[in-house]
N, C-alpha and C. Protein backbone atom coordinates (compact mmCIF):
# COMPACT_ATOMS: atom_id res chain seq x y z
N UNK A 1 78.73 89.01 101.81
CA UNK A 1 80.13 88.91 101.45
C UNK A 1 80.84 90.20 101.90
N UNK A 2 82.02 90.06 102.43
CA UNK A 2 82.76 91.23 102.88
C UNK A 2 83.53 91.86 101.72
N UNK A 3 83.94 93.10 101.90
CA UNK A 3 84.59 93.86 100.84
C UNK A 3 85.74 93.10 100.20
N UNK A 4 86.65 92.58 101.00
CA UNK A 4 87.82 91.89 100.46
C UNK A 4 87.46 90.71 99.58
N UNK A 5 86.48 89.94 99.99
CA UNK A 5 86.04 88.80 99.19
C UNK A 5 85.43 89.26 97.87
N UNK A 6 84.62 90.31 97.94
CA UNK A 6 83.99 90.85 96.75
C UNK A 6 85.03 91.36 95.77
N UNK A 7 86.00 92.10 96.28
CA UNK A 7 87.06 92.63 95.42
C UNK A 7 87.83 91.51 94.75
N UNK A 8 88.21 90.50 95.51
CA UNK A 8 88.98 89.39 94.94
C UNK A 8 88.16 88.67 93.86
N UNK A 9 86.88 88.47 94.12
CA UNK A 9 86.03 87.81 93.14
C UNK A 9 85.93 88.63 91.85
N UNK A 10 85.72 89.93 91.98
CA UNK A 10 85.65 90.80 90.79
C UNK A 10 86.97 90.77 90.02
N UNK A 11 88.07 90.83 90.74
CA UNK A 11 89.39 90.84 90.11
C UNK A 11 89.67 89.53 89.38
N UNK A 12 89.41 88.42 90.04
CA UNK A 12 89.71 87.12 89.42
C UNK A 12 88.75 86.81 88.28
N UNK A 13 87.50 87.25 88.40
CA UNK A 13 86.55 87.06 87.31
C UNK A 13 87.00 87.78 86.04
N UNK A 14 87.71 88.86 86.21
CA UNK A 14 88.25 89.61 85.07
C UNK A 14 89.60 89.07 84.60
N UNK A 15 90.11 88.08 85.34
CA UNK A 15 91.40 87.50 84.98
C UNK A 15 92.59 88.40 85.25
N UNK A 16 92.44 89.26 86.26
CA UNK A 16 93.50 90.20 86.61
C UNK A 16 94.29 89.72 87.81
N UNK A 17 95.58 89.95 87.77
CA UNK A 17 96.40 89.72 88.96
C UNK A 17 96.27 90.94 89.86
N UNK A 18 96.73 90.80 91.09
CA UNK A 18 96.73 91.95 91.98
C UNK A 18 97.57 93.07 91.39
N UNK A 19 98.70 92.72 90.78
CA UNK A 19 99.58 93.73 90.20
C UNK A 19 98.91 94.45 89.03
N UNK A 20 98.20 93.71 88.20
CA UNK A 20 97.52 94.34 87.07
C UNK A 20 96.45 95.33 87.54
N UNK A 21 95.69 94.94 88.57
CA UNK A 21 94.69 95.86 89.11
C UNK A 21 95.35 97.07 89.74
N UNK A 22 96.41 96.84 90.47
CA UNK A 22 97.15 97.95 91.09
C UNK A 22 97.66 98.92 90.03
N UNK A 23 98.18 98.39 88.94
CA UNK A 23 98.68 99.24 87.86
C UNK A 23 97.55 100.07 87.26
N UNK A 24 96.39 99.46 87.07
CA UNK A 24 95.23 100.19 86.52
C UNK A 24 94.80 101.33 87.43
N UNK A 25 94.87 101.10 88.74
CA UNK A 25 94.43 102.08 89.72
C UNK A 25 95.54 103.02 90.18
N UNK A 26 96.77 102.73 89.71
CA UNK A 26 97.95 103.51 90.08
C UNK A 26 98.19 103.52 91.59
N UNK A 27 98.13 102.32 92.15
CA UNK A 27 98.42 102.12 93.57
C UNK A 27 99.34 100.91 93.70
N UNK A 28 99.73 100.58 94.91
CA UNK A 28 100.63 99.44 95.12
C UNK A 28 99.87 98.11 95.14
N UNK A 29 100.58 97.06 94.76
CA UNK A 29 100.00 95.73 94.81
C UNK A 29 99.69 95.34 96.26
N UNK A 30 100.52 95.81 97.18
CA UNK A 30 100.29 95.46 98.57
C UNK A 30 98.98 96.06 99.10
N UNK A 31 98.57 97.21 98.57
CA UNK A 31 97.29 97.79 98.97
C UNK A 31 96.15 96.85 98.57
N UNK A 32 96.21 96.33 97.36
CA UNK A 32 95.18 95.38 96.89
C UNK A 32 95.18 94.15 97.79
N UNK A 33 96.36 93.63 98.07
CA UNK A 33 96.47 92.43 98.91
C UNK A 33 95.88 92.67 100.30
N UNK A 34 96.17 93.81 100.89
CA UNK A 34 95.65 94.12 102.22
C UNK A 34 94.13 94.25 102.21
N UNK A 35 93.58 94.84 101.15
CA UNK A 35 92.13 94.95 101.04
C UNK A 35 91.50 93.58 100.92
N UNK A 36 92.08 92.73 100.08
CA UNK A 36 91.51 91.39 99.88
C UNK A 36 91.60 90.54 101.13
N UNK A 37 92.60 90.78 101.95
CA UNK A 37 92.76 90.03 103.20
C UNK A 37 92.02 90.70 104.36
N UNK A 38 91.33 91.79 104.07
CA UNK A 38 90.59 92.57 105.08
C UNK A 38 91.49 93.09 106.19
N UNK A 39 92.74 93.40 105.83
CA UNK A 39 93.64 94.00 106.81
C UNK A 39 93.45 95.50 106.86
N UNK A 40 93.09 96.09 105.72
CA UNK A 40 92.77 97.51 105.63
C UNK A 40 91.60 97.67 104.67
N UNK A 41 91.06 98.88 104.62
CA UNK A 41 89.97 99.19 103.69
C UNK A 41 90.34 100.45 102.92
N UNK A 42 89.88 100.54 101.68
CA UNK A 42 90.20 101.72 100.88
C UNK A 42 89.43 102.95 101.34
N UNK A 43 89.98 104.11 101.00
CA UNK A 43 89.27 105.36 101.27
C UNK A 43 88.12 105.48 100.28
N UNK A 44 87.19 106.38 100.58
CA UNK A 44 85.98 106.54 99.77
C UNK A 44 86.30 106.80 98.30
N UNK A 45 87.27 107.65 98.03
CA UNK A 45 87.60 107.97 96.63
C UNK A 45 88.07 106.74 95.87
N UNK A 46 88.74 105.81 96.54
CA UNK A 46 89.19 104.59 95.89
C UNK A 46 88.02 103.63 95.67
N UNK A 47 87.06 103.62 96.57
CA UNK A 47 85.87 102.80 96.37
C UNK A 47 85.14 103.25 95.11
N UNK A 48 85.08 104.55 94.90
CA UNK A 48 84.46 105.09 93.68
C UNK A 48 85.23 104.62 92.45
N UNK A 49 86.56 104.69 92.49
CA UNK A 49 87.37 104.24 91.35
C UNK A 49 87.16 102.75 91.08
N UNK A 50 87.11 101.95 92.15
CA UNK A 50 86.89 100.52 91.99
C UNK A 50 85.51 100.24 91.39
N UNK A 51 84.50 100.93 91.87
CA UNK A 51 83.14 100.75 91.35
C UNK A 51 83.08 101.08 89.87
N UNK A 52 83.72 102.17 89.48
CA UNK A 52 83.74 102.55 88.07
C UNK A 52 84.54 101.54 87.24
N UNK A 53 85.68 101.14 87.75
CA UNK A 53 86.53 100.19 87.02
C UNK A 53 85.80 98.88 86.76
N UNK A 54 85.14 98.35 87.79
CA UNK A 54 84.45 97.07 87.66
C UNK A 54 83.01 97.22 87.18
N UNK A 55 82.56 98.46 87.00
CA UNK A 55 81.20 98.76 86.54
C UNK A 55 80.15 98.12 87.47
N UNK A 56 80.34 98.37 88.76
CA UNK A 56 79.41 97.89 89.78
C UNK A 56 79.04 99.06 90.69
N UNK A 57 77.99 98.89 91.42
CA UNK A 57 77.56 99.90 92.39
C UNK A 57 78.46 99.85 93.62
N UNK A 58 78.77 101.00 94.17
CA UNK A 58 79.61 101.02 95.37
C UNK A 58 78.95 100.28 96.53
N UNK A 59 77.63 100.29 96.60
CA UNK A 59 76.93 99.55 97.65
C UNK A 59 77.17 98.04 97.51
N UNK A 60 77.33 97.57 96.29
CA UNK A 60 77.67 96.15 96.08
C UNK A 60 79.07 95.87 96.61
N UNK A 61 80.02 96.74 96.29
CA UNK A 61 81.39 96.56 96.78
C UNK A 61 81.44 96.52 98.30
N UNK A 62 80.61 97.35 98.92
CA UNK A 62 80.61 97.45 100.38
C UNK A 62 79.76 96.39 101.07
N UNK A 63 79.10 95.55 100.27
CA UNK A 63 78.29 94.48 100.85
C UNK A 63 76.93 94.93 101.32
N UNK A 64 76.50 96.11 100.89
CA UNK A 64 75.19 96.62 101.30
C UNK A 64 74.07 96.13 100.37
N UNK A 65 74.44 95.79 99.14
CA UNK A 65 73.48 95.30 98.16
C UNK A 65 74.08 94.10 97.45
N UNK A 66 73.22 93.19 96.99
CA UNK A 66 73.70 92.05 96.22
C UNK A 66 73.89 92.46 94.77
N UNK A 67 74.30 91.50 93.93
CA UNK A 67 74.59 91.81 92.52
C UNK A 67 73.35 92.26 91.74
N UNK A 68 72.17 92.02 92.27
CA UNK A 68 70.92 92.46 91.64
C UNK A 68 70.42 93.79 92.19
N UNK A 69 71.16 94.37 93.13
CA UNK A 69 70.77 95.65 93.70
C UNK A 69 69.82 95.55 94.89
N UNK A 70 69.60 94.34 95.35
CA UNK A 70 68.70 94.15 96.51
C UNK A 70 69.49 94.35 97.80
N UNK A 71 68.86 94.98 98.79
CA UNK A 71 69.54 95.17 100.07
C UNK A 71 69.93 93.82 100.71
N UNK A 72 71.09 93.83 101.33
CA UNK A 72 71.59 92.65 102.04
C UNK A 72 71.34 92.85 103.52
N UNK A 73 70.82 91.83 104.16
CA UNK A 73 70.53 91.92 105.60
C UNK A 73 71.77 91.76 106.43
C-alpha cells in the first residue's frame, strides 16, 4: 500500500475528516488531500508526527512494513 492510501485508511478508520486531521497537526487541509492523492509527500518530521498521532510505526506509514511489523516486499 502506498503512503497516501495508508494515511487515508488510518484517517477514515478514526472517523476523521481531512480538516480534523489537519487541525490536529496544525497544517492545511490541502496538504492532507495532496498526500492522500500522492501528489506530494510529507517531510520526515511530519511523518514522525503522523506515526505518533496514529500510534503506528513510521515504516508502516511508508509502506516498508505491514500492520504486524513484517517487511513488505
